Amino acid sequence: MIDVGVQAPEFKSKAYFPAENKVKEIKLSDYRGKWVILTFHPGDFTFVCATDLEAFQAHYEKFKENNAEILGVSTDSVYSHKVWVETSPRVSKVKFPLVDDIKKEISSAYGFLNPTSGMTRRGTVIINPDGVVEYVAVFNDRLGKDVPHIYNAFINLKYLYEHPPKPEEFDIIAANKGEGFQSIRIRIPDSIGKL
C-alpha cells in the first residue's frame, strides 16, 4: 500500500470524460499544480460503487473551487465506464473523468489491487499539488465512502499545505474539524502539555 508523504506513482492511461463524452489519454503529471483525489472502486456496474461516484459528484464543484480534480479509477475499460454512465441513474450524474485501469497497473502501483478478486479495492488517495500523497484510505468493499469526511480531510490538508510548519511553530487541525474550522497554533516549547 502506498504511504503518506511519498511521491504519488506516475501513471498514463485513457480516461472517459462524461461531461464532454470523450476519451482522452491522461497522465497524473497533467494535474501537477492541482490537488488530485483518486477514488478507487472495485468495478463498474456494481452496487456500492455507483453510490460512491454519485456522492463524489455531489461535492465535485466544491472540490474544483478549491483547485482539485477527482479521478475515478477501477480495473474497467473506458468503454465500460462510458456504458455505465449511460445506463446507471446514479452514475449518469458524474462529470469527472473515469480512468481505465484494465491492465491493473495503477491499482498495483498504489497498492489497491485485490489479489483475490483481481479487482480494485475501494479507497481514496489525496495528492497535493507537488505530487505527494497526503491521505490514503481503504474501505470494506460493501461500505460506501463518507465523501463529506473526505472533503473535510482535503480542506484541512489544503490549509496545512498552505501553512508549512517551522521547527518552533506550526498549525494543527484538531479531530472532527470540517469546513469553517479553526486551526490550533502550536509553539515549541510553550504548547507542550497544554492541549
N, C-alpha and C. Protein backbone atom coordinates (compact mmCIF):
# COMPACT_ATOMS: atom_id res chain seq x y z
N MET A 1 0.84 -1.19 0.00
CA MET A 1 0.00 0.00 0.00
C MET A 1 0.88 1.24 0.00
N ILE A 2 0.50 2.20 -0.79
CA ILE A 2 1.24 3.45 -0.86
C ILE A 2 1.18 4.15 0.50
N ASP A 3 2.17 4.98 0.78
CA ASP A 3 2.25 5.63 2.09
C ASP A 3 2.11 7.14 1.96
N VAL A 4 1.65 7.76 3.02
CA VAL A 4 1.56 9.21 3.08
C VAL A 4 2.97 9.79 3.10
N GLY A 5 3.17 10.89 2.38
CA GLY A 5 4.47 11.56 2.36
C GLY A 5 5.37 11.16 1.22
N VAL A 6 4.95 10.18 0.41
CA VAL A 6 5.77 9.75 -0.73
C VAL A 6 5.23 10.36 -2.01
N GLN A 7 6.08 10.40 -3.02
CA GLN A 7 5.64 10.87 -4.34
C GLN A 7 4.63 9.87 -4.90
N ALA A 8 3.52 10.38 -5.38
CA ALA A 8 2.50 9.51 -5.96
C ALA A 8 3.03 8.89 -7.25
N PRO A 9 2.83 7.59 -7.44
CA PRO A 9 3.31 6.95 -8.67
C PRO A 9 2.67 7.57 -9.92
N GLU A 10 3.50 7.92 -10.87
CA GLU A 10 3.01 8.46 -12.14
C GLU A 10 2.24 7.36 -12.87
N PHE A 11 1.25 7.74 -13.61
CA PHE A 11 0.57 6.80 -14.48
C PHE A 11 0.12 7.51 -15.74
N LYS A 12 -0.09 6.71 -16.78
CA LYS A 12 -0.61 7.20 -18.06
C LYS A 12 -1.68 6.21 -18.49
N SER A 13 -2.86 6.71 -18.81
CA SER A 13 -3.95 5.82 -19.20
C SER A 13 -5.00 6.60 -19.97
N LYS A 14 -5.95 5.87 -20.53
CA LYS A 14 -7.11 6.51 -21.12
C LYS A 14 -8.12 6.82 -20.02
N ALA A 15 -8.91 7.86 -20.25
CA ALA A 15 -9.98 8.20 -19.32
C ALA A 15 -11.19 8.63 -20.11
N TYR A 16 -12.36 8.28 -19.58
CA TYR A 16 -13.60 8.73 -20.19
C TYR A 16 -14.05 9.99 -19.46
N PHE A 17 -14.29 11.06 -20.22
CA PHE A 17 -14.72 12.34 -19.68
C PHE A 17 -16.22 12.49 -19.96
N PRO A 18 -17.07 12.15 -19.00
CA PRO A 18 -18.52 12.17 -19.24
C PRO A 18 -19.06 13.54 -19.64
N ALA A 19 -18.53 14.60 -19.07
CA ALA A 19 -19.03 15.94 -19.36
C ALA A 19 -18.85 16.30 -20.83
N GLU A 20 -17.81 15.74 -21.45
CA GLU A 20 -17.52 16.03 -22.86
C GLU A 20 -17.86 14.87 -23.78
N ASN A 21 -18.21 13.73 -23.17
CA ASN A 21 -18.44 12.50 -23.92
C ASN A 21 -17.24 12.19 -24.82
N LYS A 22 -16.04 12.25 -24.20
CA LYS A 22 -14.79 12.00 -24.94
C LYS A 22 -13.89 11.06 -24.17
N VAL A 23 -13.05 10.34 -24.91
CA VAL A 23 -11.99 9.52 -24.34
C VAL A 23 -10.68 10.23 -24.66
N LYS A 24 -9.87 10.43 -23.62
CA LYS A 24 -8.57 11.10 -23.79
C LYS A 24 -7.51 10.33 -23.03
N GLU A 25 -6.27 10.46 -23.46
CA GLU A 25 -5.16 9.90 -22.70
C GLU A 25 -4.73 10.95 -21.67
N ILE A 26 -4.56 10.50 -20.44
CA ILE A 26 -4.12 11.41 -19.38
C ILE A 26 -2.91 10.82 -18.66
N LYS A 27 -2.18 11.70 -17.98
CA LYS A 27 -1.11 11.30 -17.06
C LYS A 27 -1.39 12.00 -15.74
N LEU A 28 -0.97 11.39 -14.66
CA LEU A 28 -1.13 12.05 -13.36
C LEU A 28 -0.42 13.40 -13.38
N SER A 29 0.75 13.46 -14.01
CA SER A 29 1.52 14.71 -14.04
C SER A 29 0.82 15.83 -14.81
N ASP A 30 -0.21 15.51 -15.60
CA ASP A 30 -1.02 16.55 -16.25
C ASP A 30 -1.69 17.45 -15.21
N TYR A 31 -1.87 16.91 -14.01
CA TYR A 31 -2.58 17.62 -12.96
C TYR A 31 -1.64 18.26 -11.94
N ARG A 32 -0.34 18.28 -12.22
CA ARG A 32 0.62 18.91 -11.32
C ARG A 32 0.21 20.36 -11.12
N GLY A 33 0.27 20.82 -9.88
CA GLY A 33 -0.19 22.17 -9.55
C GLY A 33 -1.62 22.18 -9.03
N LYS A 34 -2.30 21.02 -9.12
CA LYS A 34 -3.65 20.86 -8.59
C LYS A 34 -3.64 19.74 -7.56
N TRP A 35 -4.62 19.75 -6.70
CA TRP A 35 -4.87 18.61 -5.83
C TRP A 35 -5.57 17.55 -6.67
N VAL A 36 -5.27 16.28 -6.42
CA VAL A 36 -5.93 15.18 -7.12
C VAL A 36 -6.53 14.24 -6.08
N ILE A 37 -7.79 13.93 -6.26
CA ILE A 37 -8.47 12.95 -5.42
C ILE A 37 -8.70 11.72 -6.30
N LEU A 38 -7.99 10.64 -6.01
CA LEU A 38 -8.20 9.38 -6.71
C LEU A 38 -9.24 8.59 -5.92
N THR A 39 -10.36 8.28 -6.54
CA THR A 39 -11.37 7.46 -5.88
C THR A 39 -11.40 6.10 -6.59
N PHE A 40 -10.88 5.09 -5.92
CA PHE A 40 -10.81 3.74 -6.45
C PHE A 40 -12.10 3.00 -6.13
N HIS A 41 -12.64 2.29 -7.11
CA HIS A 41 -13.83 1.46 -6.87
C HIS A 41 -13.62 0.08 -7.50
N PRO A 42 -14.17 -0.98 -6.87
CA PRO A 42 -13.93 -2.34 -7.36
C PRO A 42 -14.36 -2.61 -8.79
N GLY A 43 -15.49 -2.05 -9.21
CA GLY A 43 -15.90 -2.35 -10.57
C GLY A 43 -17.14 -1.60 -11.01
N ASP A 44 -17.19 -1.29 -12.29
CA ASP A 44 -18.38 -0.69 -12.88
C ASP A 44 -19.55 -1.68 -12.75
N PHE A 45 -20.74 -1.14 -12.74
CA PHE A 45 -21.97 -1.91 -12.67
C PHE A 45 -22.14 -2.66 -11.35
N THR A 46 -21.39 -2.26 -10.35
CA THR A 46 -21.58 -2.84 -9.02
C THR A 46 -22.38 -1.84 -8.18
N PHE A 47 -22.75 -2.24 -7.00
CA PHE A 47 -23.79 -1.54 -6.26
C PHE A 47 -23.29 -0.35 -5.45
N VAL A 48 -22.35 -0.60 -4.55
CA VAL A 48 -21.84 0.49 -3.71
C VAL A 48 -21.08 1.51 -4.55
N CYS A 49 -20.41 1.03 -5.59
CA CYS A 49 -19.57 1.90 -6.42
C CYS A 49 -20.38 3.05 -7.03
N ALA A 50 -21.59 2.75 -7.48
CA ALA A 50 -22.44 3.79 -8.06
C ALA A 50 -22.75 4.87 -7.03
N THR A 51 -22.95 4.47 -5.77
CA THR A 51 -23.25 5.46 -4.74
C THR A 51 -22.02 6.29 -4.40
N ASP A 52 -20.83 5.67 -4.45
CA ASP A 52 -19.59 6.42 -4.23
C ASP A 52 -19.43 7.53 -5.26
N LEU A 53 -19.60 7.17 -6.53
CA LEU A 53 -19.40 8.16 -7.58
C LEU A 53 -20.46 9.26 -7.51
N GLU A 54 -21.68 8.87 -7.19
CA GLU A 54 -22.75 9.87 -7.03
C GLU A 54 -22.41 10.84 -5.89
N ALA A 55 -21.88 10.31 -4.79
CA ALA A 55 -21.52 11.15 -3.64
C ALA A 55 -20.36 12.10 -3.99
N PHE A 56 -19.37 11.61 -4.72
CA PHE A 56 -18.27 12.49 -5.14
C PHE A 56 -18.80 13.56 -6.10
N GLN A 57 -19.70 13.19 -6.99
CA GLN A 57 -20.26 14.17 -7.91
C GLN A 57 -20.99 15.28 -7.15
N ALA A 58 -21.68 14.93 -6.07
CA ALA A 58 -22.40 15.93 -5.27
C ALA A 58 -21.45 16.97 -4.68
N HIS A 59 -20.18 16.61 -4.51
CA HIS A 59 -19.17 17.53 -3.96
C HIS A 59 -18.19 18.04 -5.02
N TYR A 60 -18.38 17.63 -6.27
CA TYR A 60 -17.40 17.91 -7.32
C TYR A 60 -17.11 19.40 -7.48
N GLU A 61 -18.14 20.23 -7.51
CA GLU A 61 -17.92 21.67 -7.68
C GLU A 61 -17.12 22.25 -6.53
N LYS A 62 -17.39 21.78 -5.31
CA LYS A 62 -16.64 22.27 -4.15
C LYS A 62 -15.16 21.88 -4.25
N PHE A 63 -14.89 20.66 -4.69
CA PHE A 63 -13.50 20.25 -4.91
C PHE A 63 -12.85 21.14 -5.97
N LYS A 64 -13.54 21.33 -7.10
CA LYS A 64 -12.98 22.13 -8.20
C LYS A 64 -12.72 23.57 -7.77
N GLU A 65 -13.62 24.14 -6.97
CA GLU A 65 -13.44 25.51 -6.49
C GLU A 65 -12.19 25.65 -5.63
N ASN A 66 -11.71 24.52 -5.10
CA ASN A 66 -10.52 24.50 -4.25
C ASN A 66 -9.32 23.87 -4.95
N ASN A 67 -9.29 24.00 -6.30
CA ASN A 67 -8.15 23.57 -7.10
C ASN A 67 -7.89 22.07 -7.03
N ALA A 68 -8.97 21.28 -7.05
CA ALA A 68 -8.83 19.82 -7.00
C ALA A 68 -9.57 19.18 -8.16
N GLU A 69 -9.03 18.07 -8.65
CA GLU A 69 -9.70 17.26 -9.65
C GLU A 69 -9.92 15.87 -9.07
N ILE A 70 -11.08 15.32 -9.35
CA ILE A 70 -11.40 13.95 -8.95
C ILE A 70 -11.19 13.05 -10.15
N LEU A 71 -10.54 11.90 -9.92
CA LEU A 71 -10.38 10.89 -10.96
C LEU A 71 -10.89 9.57 -10.40
N GLY A 72 -11.91 9.00 -11.04
CA GLY A 72 -12.41 7.68 -10.65
C GLY A 72 -11.57 6.61 -11.32
N VAL A 73 -11.17 5.58 -10.55
CA VAL A 73 -10.28 4.54 -11.09
C VAL A 73 -10.84 3.17 -10.73
N SER A 74 -10.91 2.29 -11.73
CA SER A 74 -11.21 0.87 -11.50
C SER A 74 -10.52 0.06 -12.59
N THR A 75 -10.55 -1.25 -12.43
CA THR A 75 -9.90 -2.12 -13.41
C THR A 75 -10.81 -2.39 -14.60
N ASP A 76 -11.62 -1.41 -14.94
CA ASP A 76 -12.50 -1.49 -16.10
C ASP A 76 -11.94 -0.63 -17.23
N SER A 77 -12.46 -0.85 -18.44
CA SER A 77 -12.03 -0.08 -19.60
C SER A 77 -12.83 1.21 -19.72
N VAL A 78 -12.37 2.12 -20.56
CA VAL A 78 -13.12 3.35 -20.83
C VAL A 78 -14.47 3.02 -21.47
N TYR A 79 -14.54 1.91 -22.20
CA TYR A 79 -15.79 1.50 -22.84
C TYR A 79 -16.82 1.12 -21.78
N SER A 80 -16.37 0.39 -20.79
CA SER A 80 -17.24 0.03 -19.68
C SER A 80 -17.69 1.28 -18.92
N HIS A 81 -16.74 2.19 -18.66
CA HIS A 81 -17.08 3.44 -17.97
C HIS A 81 -18.17 4.20 -18.73
N LYS A 82 -18.02 4.30 -20.04
CA LYS A 82 -18.98 5.06 -20.86
C LYS A 82 -20.38 4.44 -20.77
N VAL A 83 -20.46 3.14 -20.93
CA VAL A 83 -21.76 2.47 -20.89
C VAL A 83 -22.38 2.58 -19.50
N TRP A 84 -21.56 2.51 -18.46
CA TRP A 84 -22.07 2.66 -17.09
C TRP A 84 -22.67 4.05 -16.89
N VAL A 85 -21.99 5.07 -17.39
CA VAL A 85 -22.51 6.44 -17.30
C VAL A 85 -23.85 6.54 -18.05
N GLU A 86 -23.94 5.87 -19.18
CA GLU A 86 -25.15 5.94 -20.00
C GLU A 86 -26.33 5.16 -19.42
N THR A 87 -26.06 4.19 -18.54
CA THR A 87 -27.14 3.30 -18.09
C THR A 87 -27.50 3.41 -16.61
N SER A 88 -26.61 3.89 -15.78
CA SER A 88 -26.89 3.96 -14.34
C SER A 88 -27.51 5.31 -13.96
N PRO A 89 -28.65 5.29 -13.27
CA PRO A 89 -29.24 6.55 -12.84
C PRO A 89 -28.32 7.37 -11.94
N ARG A 90 -27.54 6.72 -11.12
CA ARG A 90 -26.62 7.43 -10.21
C ARG A 90 -25.36 7.91 -10.96
N VAL A 91 -24.77 7.03 -11.73
CA VAL A 91 -23.50 7.35 -12.40
C VAL A 91 -23.72 8.32 -13.56
N SER A 92 -24.92 8.39 -14.08
CA SER A 92 -25.20 9.31 -15.19
C SER A 92 -25.01 10.77 -14.78
N LYS A 93 -24.97 11.04 -13.48
CA LYS A 93 -24.76 12.40 -12.97
C LYS A 93 -23.28 12.80 -12.99
N VAL A 94 -22.38 11.82 -13.09
CA VAL A 94 -20.95 12.04 -12.93
C VAL A 94 -20.38 12.87 -14.08
N LYS A 95 -19.58 13.89 -13.72
CA LYS A 95 -18.93 14.76 -14.70
C LYS A 95 -17.40 14.65 -14.66
N PHE A 96 -16.85 14.01 -13.63
CA PHE A 96 -15.39 13.91 -13.53
C PHE A 96 -14.89 12.69 -14.32
N PRO A 97 -13.60 12.70 -14.70
CA PRO A 97 -13.04 11.62 -15.53
C PRO A 97 -13.02 10.26 -14.81
N LEU A 98 -13.28 9.22 -15.59
CA LEU A 98 -13.21 7.83 -15.12
C LEU A 98 -12.05 7.15 -15.85
N VAL A 99 -11.06 6.73 -15.09
CA VAL A 99 -9.79 6.26 -15.63
C VAL A 99 -9.81 4.75 -15.88
N ASP A 100 -9.31 4.36 -17.04
CA ASP A 100 -9.18 2.97 -17.46
C ASP A 100 -7.95 2.37 -16.79
N ASP A 101 -8.15 1.31 -16.01
CA ASP A 101 -7.03 0.57 -15.41
C ASP A 101 -7.16 -0.91 -15.75
N ILE A 102 -7.54 -1.19 -16.98
CA ILE A 102 -7.76 -2.56 -17.43
C ILE A 102 -6.49 -3.41 -17.29
N LYS A 103 -5.32 -2.77 -17.37
CA LYS A 103 -4.06 -3.50 -17.20
C LYS A 103 -3.67 -3.66 -15.73
N LYS A 104 -4.42 -3.02 -14.85
CA LYS A 104 -4.23 -3.12 -13.39
C LYS A 104 -2.93 -2.49 -12.91
N GLU A 105 -2.33 -1.64 -13.73
CA GLU A 105 -1.06 -1.02 -13.38
C GLU A 105 -1.21 0.06 -12.31
N ILE A 106 -2.27 0.87 -12.42
CA ILE A 106 -2.47 1.94 -11.44
C ILE A 106 -2.83 1.34 -10.09
N SER A 107 -3.78 0.42 -10.09
CA SER A 107 -4.20 -0.23 -8.84
C SER A 107 -3.02 -0.94 -8.17
N SER A 108 -2.18 -1.57 -8.96
CA SER A 108 -0.99 -2.24 -8.42
C SER A 108 0.00 -1.24 -7.84
N ALA A 109 0.29 -0.18 -8.59
CA ALA A 109 1.28 0.82 -8.15
C ALA A 109 0.86 1.49 -6.84
N TYR A 110 -0.44 1.66 -6.64
CA TYR A 110 -0.93 2.32 -5.43
C TYR A 110 -1.25 1.33 -4.32
N GLY A 111 -1.12 0.03 -4.59
CA GLY A 111 -1.39 -0.98 -3.58
C GLY A 111 -2.86 -1.26 -3.39
N PHE A 112 -3.68 -0.93 -4.37
CA PHE A 112 -5.12 -1.11 -4.25
C PHE A 112 -5.64 -2.34 -4.99
N LEU A 113 -4.77 -3.10 -5.63
CA LEU A 113 -5.24 -4.28 -6.35
C LEU A 113 -5.49 -5.42 -5.37
N ASN A 114 -6.69 -5.95 -5.38
CA ASN A 114 -7.05 -7.07 -4.52
C ASN A 114 -6.58 -8.35 -5.21
N PRO A 115 -5.58 -9.06 -4.62
CA PRO A 115 -5.03 -10.23 -5.30
C PRO A 115 -6.02 -11.40 -5.39
N THR A 116 -7.02 -11.40 -4.53
CA THR A 116 -8.00 -12.48 -4.55
C THR A 116 -9.01 -12.30 -5.67
N SER A 117 -9.55 -11.10 -5.77
CA SER A 117 -10.60 -10.86 -6.77
C SER A 117 -10.05 -10.34 -8.10
N GLY A 118 -8.84 -9.75 -8.08
CA GLY A 118 -8.30 -9.13 -9.28
C GLY A 118 -8.93 -7.78 -9.57
N MET A 119 -9.75 -7.31 -8.64
CA MET A 119 -10.40 -6.01 -8.79
C MET A 119 -9.70 -4.98 -7.90
N THR A 120 -10.05 -3.73 -8.12
CA THR A 120 -9.51 -2.66 -7.29
C THR A 120 -10.21 -2.65 -5.93
N ARG A 121 -9.44 -2.41 -4.88
CA ARG A 121 -10.06 -2.21 -3.57
C ARG A 121 -10.73 -0.85 -3.55
N ARG A 122 -11.77 -0.72 -2.74
CA ARG A 122 -12.45 0.57 -2.58
C ARG A 122 -11.55 1.46 -1.71
N GLY A 123 -11.22 2.64 -2.21
CA GLY A 123 -10.37 3.52 -1.42
C GLY A 123 -10.22 4.89 -2.03
N THR A 124 -9.48 5.72 -1.33
CA THR A 124 -9.26 7.10 -1.74
C THR A 124 -7.82 7.50 -1.46
N VAL A 125 -7.24 8.26 -2.38
CA VAL A 125 -5.92 8.84 -2.21
C VAL A 125 -6.03 10.33 -2.53
N ILE A 126 -5.49 11.17 -1.65
CA ILE A 126 -5.43 12.61 -1.90
C ILE A 126 -3.97 12.96 -2.14
N ILE A 127 -3.73 13.64 -3.28
CA ILE A 127 -2.37 14.00 -3.70
C ILE A 127 -2.28 15.52 -3.78
N ASN A 128 -1.23 16.09 -3.19
CA ASN A 128 -1.09 17.55 -3.17
C ASN A 128 -0.56 18.07 -4.51
N PRO A 129 -0.53 19.41 -4.71
CA PRO A 129 -0.10 19.96 -5.99
C PRO A 129 1.35 19.64 -6.39
N ASP A 130 2.17 19.20 -5.42
CA ASP A 130 3.54 18.80 -5.72
C ASP A 130 3.65 17.32 -6.08
N GLY A 131 2.50 16.61 -6.07
CA GLY A 131 2.50 15.19 -6.41
C GLY A 131 2.80 14.28 -5.24
N VAL A 132 2.67 14.79 -4.01
CA VAL A 132 2.95 14.00 -2.81
C VAL A 132 1.64 13.49 -2.21
N VAL A 133 1.63 12.23 -1.81
CA VAL A 133 0.45 11.63 -1.19
C VAL A 133 0.25 12.21 0.21
N GLU A 134 -0.96 12.71 0.45
CA GLU A 134 -1.30 13.32 1.74
C GLU A 134 -2.30 12.50 2.55
N TYR A 135 -3.02 11.59 1.88
CA TYR A 135 -4.12 10.86 2.54
C TYR A 135 -4.35 9.57 1.80
N VAL A 136 -4.51 8.48 2.55
CA VAL A 136 -4.82 7.17 1.97
C VAL A 136 -5.87 6.50 2.85
N ALA A 137 -6.92 5.98 2.23
CA ALA A 137 -7.95 5.24 2.98
C ALA A 137 -8.42 4.07 2.13
N VAL A 138 -8.61 2.93 2.77
CA VAL A 138 -9.12 1.73 2.12
C VAL A 138 -10.37 1.31 2.90
N PHE A 139 -11.40 0.90 2.16
CA PHE A 139 -12.67 0.57 2.78
C PHE A 139 -13.08 -0.86 2.47
N ASN A 140 -13.91 -1.42 3.33
CA ASN A 140 -14.58 -2.68 3.05
C ASN A 140 -15.37 -2.49 1.75
N ASP A 141 -15.34 -3.48 0.88
CA ASP A 141 -16.00 -3.34 -0.42
C ASP A 141 -17.50 -3.07 -0.32
N ARG A 142 -18.11 -3.44 0.79
CA ARG A 142 -19.55 -3.21 0.93
C ARG A 142 -19.87 -1.91 1.67
N LEU A 143 -18.83 -1.15 2.04
CA LEU A 143 -19.02 0.11 2.76
C LEU A 143 -18.74 1.28 1.83
N GLY A 144 -19.75 2.11 1.61
CA GLY A 144 -19.58 3.29 0.77
C GLY A 144 -18.70 4.32 1.45
N LYS A 145 -18.14 5.20 0.66
CA LYS A 145 -17.24 6.23 1.18
C LYS A 145 -18.02 7.37 1.81
N ASP A 146 -17.47 7.92 2.86
CA ASP A 146 -18.03 9.10 3.53
C ASP A 146 -17.41 10.32 2.86
N VAL A 147 -18.01 10.77 1.78
CA VAL A 147 -17.43 11.84 0.97
C VAL A 147 -17.36 13.17 1.74
N PRO A 148 -18.35 13.53 2.57
CA PRO A 148 -18.16 14.75 3.37
C PRO A 148 -16.91 14.70 4.25
N HIS A 149 -16.61 13.53 4.83
CA HIS A 149 -15.37 13.38 5.61
C HIS A 149 -14.15 13.56 4.71
N ILE A 150 -14.17 12.94 3.53
CA ILE A 150 -13.03 13.04 2.61
C ILE A 150 -12.85 14.50 2.18
N TYR A 151 -13.95 15.19 1.91
CA TYR A 151 -13.86 16.60 1.54
C TYR A 151 -13.26 17.42 2.69
N ASN A 152 -13.73 17.18 3.91
CA ASN A 152 -13.17 17.91 5.07
C ASN A 152 -11.70 17.62 5.26
N ALA A 153 -11.31 16.35 5.09
CA ALA A 153 -9.88 16.00 5.19
C ALA A 153 -9.09 16.76 4.13
N PHE A 154 -9.61 16.82 2.92
CA PHE A 154 -8.95 17.56 1.83
C PHE A 154 -8.80 19.04 2.20
N ILE A 155 -9.87 19.67 2.65
CA ILE A 155 -9.83 21.10 3.01
C ILE A 155 -8.79 21.34 4.11
N ASN A 156 -8.76 20.47 5.09
CA ASN A 156 -7.79 20.61 6.19
C ASN A 156 -6.36 20.39 5.71
N LEU A 157 -6.15 19.40 4.84
CA LEU A 157 -4.82 19.16 4.27
C LEU A 157 -4.38 20.34 3.41
N LYS A 158 -5.31 20.92 2.69
CA LYS A 158 -5.00 22.10 1.87
C LYS A 158 -4.55 23.26 2.75
N TYR A 159 -5.23 23.45 3.87
CA TYR A 159 -4.83 24.51 4.81
C TYR A 159 -3.41 24.25 5.32
N LEU A 160 -3.14 23.01 5.74
CA LEU A 160 -1.81 22.68 6.26
C LEU A 160 -0.73 22.85 5.18
N TYR A 161 -1.05 22.49 3.95
CA TYR A 161 -0.11 22.65 2.83
C TYR A 161 0.21 24.13 2.62
N GLU A 162 -0.80 24.97 2.75
CA GLU A 162 -0.62 26.41 2.54
C GLU A 162 0.03 27.11 3.74
N HIS A 163 0.14 26.40 4.85
CA HIS A 163 0.77 26.94 6.06
C HIS A 163 1.84 25.97 6.54
N PRO A 164 2.98 25.91 5.83
CA PRO A 164 4.02 24.93 6.17
C PRO A 164 4.58 25.16 7.57
N PRO A 165 4.98 24.07 8.22
CA PRO A 165 5.48 24.19 9.60
C PRO A 165 6.89 24.77 9.65
N LYS A 166 7.18 25.35 10.80
CA LYS A 166 8.54 25.77 11.14
C LYS A 166 8.95 24.91 12.33
N PRO A 167 10.23 24.76 12.58
CA PRO A 167 10.65 23.89 13.69
C PRO A 167 10.06 24.31 15.05
N GLU A 168 9.89 25.60 15.25
CA GLU A 168 9.44 26.08 16.57
C GLU A 168 7.95 26.44 16.62
N GLU A 169 7.28 26.38 15.45
CA GLU A 169 5.88 26.80 15.43
C GLU A 169 5.17 26.18 14.23
N PHE A 170 3.95 25.65 14.46
CA PHE A 170 3.18 25.07 13.36
C PHE A 170 1.72 24.99 13.75
N ASP A 171 0.87 24.87 12.72
CA ASP A 171 -0.56 24.72 12.93
C ASP A 171 -0.93 23.25 12.92
N ILE A 172 -1.98 22.91 13.68
CA ILE A 172 -2.55 21.57 13.63
C ILE A 172 -4.06 21.71 13.44
N ILE A 173 -4.66 20.67 12.97
CA ILE A 173 -6.12 20.61 12.84
C ILE A 173 -6.59 19.54 13.84
N ALA A 174 -7.40 19.96 14.78
CA ALA A 174 -7.90 19.03 15.81
C ALA A 174 -8.88 18.03 15.18
N ALA A 175 -9.18 16.97 15.90
CA ALA A 175 -10.13 15.96 15.45
C ALA A 175 -11.51 16.57 15.21
N ASN A 176 -12.22 15.98 14.27
CA ASN A 176 -13.61 16.34 13.96
C ASN A 176 -13.79 17.75 13.46
N LYS A 177 -12.81 18.29 12.78
CA LYS A 177 -12.93 19.66 12.26
C LYS A 177 -13.21 19.61 10.77
N GLY A 178 -14.24 20.32 10.35
CA GLY A 178 -14.62 20.38 8.95
C GLY A 178 -14.49 21.79 8.42
N GLU A 179 -15.32 22.09 7.44
CA GLU A 179 -15.32 23.43 6.85
C GLU A 179 -15.56 24.46 7.94
N GLY A 180 -14.86 25.59 7.83
CA GLY A 180 -15.02 26.64 8.83
C GLY A 180 -14.26 26.35 10.11
N PHE A 181 -13.35 25.39 10.07
CA PHE A 181 -12.56 25.01 11.24
C PHE A 181 -11.64 26.14 11.68
N GLN A 182 -11.13 26.01 12.86
CA GLN A 182 -10.09 26.92 13.33
C GLN A 182 -8.88 26.06 13.69
N SER A 183 -7.74 26.38 13.09
CA SER A 183 -6.54 25.62 13.41
C SER A 183 -6.03 26.01 14.79
N ILE A 184 -5.18 25.17 15.31
CA ILE A 184 -4.54 25.44 16.60
C ILE A 184 -3.07 25.70 16.34
N ARG A 185 -2.56 26.83 16.81
CA ARG A 185 -1.16 27.17 16.62
C ARG A 185 -0.37 26.55 17.77
N ILE A 186 0.62 25.76 17.42
CA ILE A 186 1.50 25.11 18.40
C ILE A 186 2.83 25.85 18.40
N ARG A 187 3.29 26.18 19.59
CA ARG A 187 4.60 26.82 19.75
C ARG A 187 5.44 25.95 20.68
N ILE A 188 6.62 25.62 20.20
CA ILE A 188 7.54 24.77 20.98
C ILE A 188 8.54 25.66 21.70
N PRO A 189 8.72 25.53 22.99
CA PRO A 189 8.19 24.51 23.89
C PRO A 189 6.91 24.93 24.63
N ASP A 190 6.41 26.15 24.41
CA ASP A 190 5.31 26.68 25.23
C ASP A 190 4.05 25.84 25.20
N SER A 191 3.72 25.21 24.08
CA SER A 191 2.46 24.47 23.94
C SER A 191 2.52 23.06 24.50
N ILE A 192 3.69 22.57 24.83
CA ILE A 192 3.82 21.18 25.32
C ILE A 192 3.02 21.02 26.60
N GLY A 193 2.13 20.02 26.59
CA GLY A 193 1.30 19.72 27.76
C GLY A 193 0.08 20.62 27.93
N LYS A 194 -0.18 21.51 26.99
CA LYS A 194 -1.28 22.48 27.15
C LYS A 194 -2.59 22.01 26.49
N LEU A 195 -2.57 21.02 25.66
CA LEU A 195 -3.81 20.57 25.00
C LEU A 195 -4.49 19.49 25.79
